[in-house]
Protein backbone atom coordinates (compact mmCIF):
# COMPACT_ATOMS: atom_id res chain seq x y z
CA MET A 1 0.01 0.01 -0.01
CA PRO A 2 1.43 3.37 -0.91
CA SER A 3 2.44 5.38 2.09
CA ASN A 4 3.46 8.80 0.84
CA ASN A 5 1.80 11.42 -1.36
CA LEU A 6 4.12 12.33 -4.19
CA HIS A 7 2.13 14.76 -6.23
CA ASN A 8 -1.17 16.44 -5.80
CA THR A 9 -2.53 18.06 -8.93
CA THR A 10 -3.94 21.25 -7.52
CA ILE A 11 -4.30 24.53 -9.30
CA GLU A 12 -3.46 27.71 -7.45
CA GLY A 13 -2.45 31.20 -8.40
CA ASN A 14 -3.84 34.03 -10.43
CA ASP A 15 -2.15 33.61 -13.80
CA PRO A 16 -4.20 32.93 -16.97
CA PHE A 17 -3.28 29.24 -17.12
CA ALA A 18 -4.26 28.67 -13.48
CA ASN A 19 -7.49 30.49 -14.04
CA ARG A 20 -8.31 28.29 -17.10
CA MET A 21 -7.57 25.19 -15.05
CA LYS A 22 -9.63 26.44 -12.11
CA GLU A 23 -12.47 27.02 -14.50
CA ALA A 24 -12.19 23.64 -16.09
CA LEU A 25 -11.67 21.67 -12.90
CA GLY A 26 -14.13 23.83 -10.95
CA PHE A 27 -16.84 23.56 -13.62
CA ALA A 28 -16.59 27.23 -14.54
CA ALA A 29 -18.26 28.25 -11.32
CA THR A 30 -17.11 31.86 -11.65
CA ALA A 31 -18.93 32.09 -15.01
CA GLY A 32 -22.16 30.98 -13.39
CA ILE A 33 -22.20 27.61 -15.17
CA SER A 34 -23.56 24.82 -13.00
CA GLN A 35 -21.81 21.46 -12.72
CA LYS A 36 -24.51 19.75 -14.81
CA GLU A 37 -24.30 22.36 -17.55
CA ALA A 38 -20.49 22.24 -17.77
CA ALA A 39 -20.00 18.48 -18.18
CA PRO A 40 -21.40 15.26 -16.82
CA GLU A 41 -19.31 14.23 -13.81
CA ASP A 42 -18.48 10.75 -15.02
CA GLU A 43 -17.00 12.03 -18.32
CA LEU A 44 -14.91 14.65 -16.57
CA GLN A 45 -13.74 12.05 -14.06
CA ARG A 46 -12.78 9.75 -16.95
CA ILE A 47 -10.72 12.49 -18.58
CA ILE A 48 -8.85 13.19 -15.34
CA GLN A 49 -8.38 9.48 -14.51
CA ASN A 50 -7.02 8.76 -18.00
CA TRP A 51 -4.55 11.61 -17.67
CA GLY A 52 -3.53 10.29 -14.26
CA GLU A 53 -3.00 6.84 -15.73
CA GLU A 54 -0.77 8.30 -18.44
CA LEU A 55 1.23 10.11 -15.73
CA LYS A 56 1.56 6.87 -13.78
CA GLN A 57 2.72 4.93 -16.85
CA GLN A 58 5.30 7.62 -17.63
CA MET A 59 6.61 7.41 -14.04
CA VAL A 60 6.94 3.62 -14.34
CA SER A 61 8.67 4.01 -17.71
CA ASN A 62 11.10 6.49 -16.16
CA LEU A 63 11.86 4.10 -13.29
CA LEU A 64 12.67 1.36 -15.80
CA LYS A 65 14.77 3.72 -17.94
CA ASN A 66 16.68 4.89 -14.85
CA LYS A 67 17.08 1.29 -13.67
CA THR A 68 15.70 2.28 -10.30
CA ASN A 69 12.96 -0.29 -10.03
CA ALA A 70 15.05 -3.22 -8.76
CA SER A 71 12.31 -5.04 -6.87
CA GLY A 72 9.34 -3.66 -8.76
CA THR A 73 7.83 -2.48 -5.49
CA LEU A 74 8.02 1.23 -6.23
CA ALA A 75 6.46 0.96 -9.71
CA SER A 76 3.70 -1.33 -8.54
CA SER A 77 2.90 1.01 -5.62
CA ILE A 78 2.12 4.03 -7.75
CA THR A 79 -1.63 4.67 -7.57
CA ASN A 80 -3.95 7.51 -8.44
CA ILE A 81 -6.79 8.64 -6.21
CA LEU A 82 -9.35 11.09 -7.60
CA LYS A 83 -11.08 13.15 -4.91
CA LYS A 84 -14.09 15.36 -5.46
CA THR A 85 -13.95 18.76 -3.79
CA ARG A 86 -16.41 21.65 -3.55
CA ASN A 87 -14.63 23.31 -6.50
CA GLY A 88 -13.83 20.32 -8.69
CA TYR A 89 -11.36 17.46 -8.34
CA ILE A 90 -7.92 16.71 -6.92
CA LEU A 91 -5.87 13.87 -8.36
CA GLU A 92 -3.37 12.44 -5.87
CA THR A 93 -0.63 10.16 -7.07
CA GLN A 94 0.77 8.08 -4.21
CA ALA A 95 3.68 5.66 -3.91
CA GLU A 96 5.98 4.00 -1.41
CA ASN A 97 7.53 6.41 1.09
CA TYR A 98 11.05 6.02 -0.33
CA ALA A 99 10.00 7.44 -3.72
CA ASN A 100 11.19 10.89 -2.70
CA PHE A 101 14.66 9.50 -2.01
CA VAL A 102 14.73 8.03 -5.51
CA GLU A 103 13.49 11.30 -7.02
CA TYR A 104 15.67 13.73 -5.08
CA GLY A 105 18.46 11.57 -3.72
CA ARG A 106 19.51 11.32 -0.11
CA LYS A 107 21.96 13.60 1.60
CA ALA A 108 24.84 12.08 3.55
CA GLY A 109 24.47 12.08 7.31
CA LYS A 110 21.64 9.73 8.13
CA ARG A 111 21.53 6.00 7.57
CA PRO A 112 18.38 4.62 5.93
CA PRO A 113 16.35 1.89 7.65
CA VAL A 114 18.26 -1.42 7.49
CA GLU A 115 15.02 -3.43 7.27
CA ALA A 116 14.24 -1.92 3.87
CA ILE A 117 17.67 -2.82 2.59
CA ILE A 118 17.31 -6.36 3.91
CA ARG A 119 14.05 -6.71 1.96
CA TYR A 120 15.81 -5.29 -1.13
CA ILE A 121 18.66 -7.84 -0.80
CA GLN A 122 16.18 -10.68 -0.33
CA GLU A 123 14.30 -9.66 -3.46
CA LYS A 124 17.43 -9.38 -5.63
CA ARG A 125 18.33 -12.85 -6.89
CA GLU A 126 21.73 -11.63 -8.14
CA ILE A 127 22.69 -10.51 -4.66
CA GLN A 128 21.40 -13.71 -3.05
CA GLN A 129 23.50 -15.72 -5.48
CA SER A 130 26.62 -13.61 -4.93
CA SER A 131 29.47 -15.34 -3.10
CA ILE A 132 29.06 -12.98 -0.13
CA ILE A 133 25.75 -14.59 0.76
CA ARG A 134 25.81 -17.88 -1.16
CA ASP A 135 29.04 -19.06 0.48
CA ALA A 136 28.25 -17.80 3.95
CA LYS A 137 27.70 -20.29 6.78
CA ASN A 138 24.75 -18.23 8.00
CA ARG A 139 22.96 -16.62 5.08
CA ILE A 140 20.59 -14.66 7.30
CA GLN A 141 23.50 -13.08 9.16
CA ALA A 142 25.35 -12.45 5.92
CA THR A 143 22.27 -10.68 4.52
CA LYS A 144 22.01 -8.51 7.65
CA SER A 145 25.73 -7.71 7.56
CA LEU A 146 25.54 -6.69 3.92
CA ALA A 147 22.45 -4.56 4.62
CA PHE A 148 24.26 -2.76 7.46
CA ALA A 149 27.25 -2.12 5.21
CA ILE A 150 25.00 -0.68 2.46
CA ALA A 151 23.08 1.44 4.99
CA ASN A 152 26.34 2.78 6.44
CA LYS A 153 27.64 3.63 2.96
CA ILE A 154 24.40 5.46 2.13
CA GLY A 155 24.56 7.25 5.46
CA ALA A 156 28.14 8.33 4.80
CA SER A 157 27.87 9.20 1.11
CA GLY A 158 24.16 9.69 0.37
CA THR A 159 22.61 8.69 -2.91
CA LYS A 160 22.32 10.56 -6.21
CA LYS A 161 18.95 11.73 -7.44
CA GLN A 162 17.29 9.65 -10.11
CA PRO A 163 14.19 11.66 -11.10
CA PHE A 164 11.14 9.88 -12.39
CA ILE A 165 8.28 12.12 -11.17
CA VAL A 166 9.30 15.52 -12.50
CA PRO A 167 10.27 14.15 -15.95
CA ALA A 168 6.85 12.42 -16.11
CA LEU A 169 5.12 15.71 -15.28
CA LYS A 170 7.15 17.43 -18.00
CA LYS A 171 5.93 14.88 -20.54
CA VAL A 172 2.39 14.42 -19.31
CA THR A 173 1.75 18.07 -18.49
CA THR A 174 -1.19 19.66 -16.78
CA GLN A 175 -1.56 21.74 -19.94
CA ILE A 176 -2.51 18.49 -21.69
CA LEU A 177 -5.15 17.85 -19.05
CA ALA A 178 -6.48 21.42 -19.36
CA GLN A 179 -6.63 21.06 -23.15
CA ARG A 180 -8.58 17.80 -22.93
CA ILE A 181 -11.05 19.25 -20.44
CA GLY A 182 -11.37 22.39 -22.56
CA GLU A 183 -12.02 20.34 -25.71
CA TYR A 184 -14.65 18.28 -23.94
CA MET A 185 -16.39 21.35 -22.55
CA ALA A 186 -16.34 22.94 -26.00
CA ARG A 187 -18.16 19.89 -27.46
CA GLU A 188 -20.90 20.07 -24.83
């Protein structure tokens, strides 16, 4: 189950683009158009959900391209939740809590949780078959020792950023969403 919000698509500000998005997502309330007149809810929800799915698929593609999806856990944890508000909708994309460390890297100074690294080692067949663990008398202890060594290294050196969220948002932009909503509203 995802445990950390990564991106909330919310529109704020007073620039022309934000105002167009507020209108589209808020059913043009400022123009006096009611929700039913602007667009049927289910069609608008479908447009937003499809856009969210495209964003999710681009994130997964970026993880694979970056080779940062070793266990598959992060990619499979990415989910979209569409929430209705008084003024329209909010699309939340959620994923495992370590997604931000993949996206932005981790500064040196603090060791990550060893348990997560143990799970990672257990999921990676190549590591399990390496001589460090394969030839050890006690594989469980060897796995723990390796996990502590990796955690200490990360704590001392940090990790480099490997963005997958921001590049996805650059490719699957909110302008695309606004355009699709605008096209739909123009047809109605």
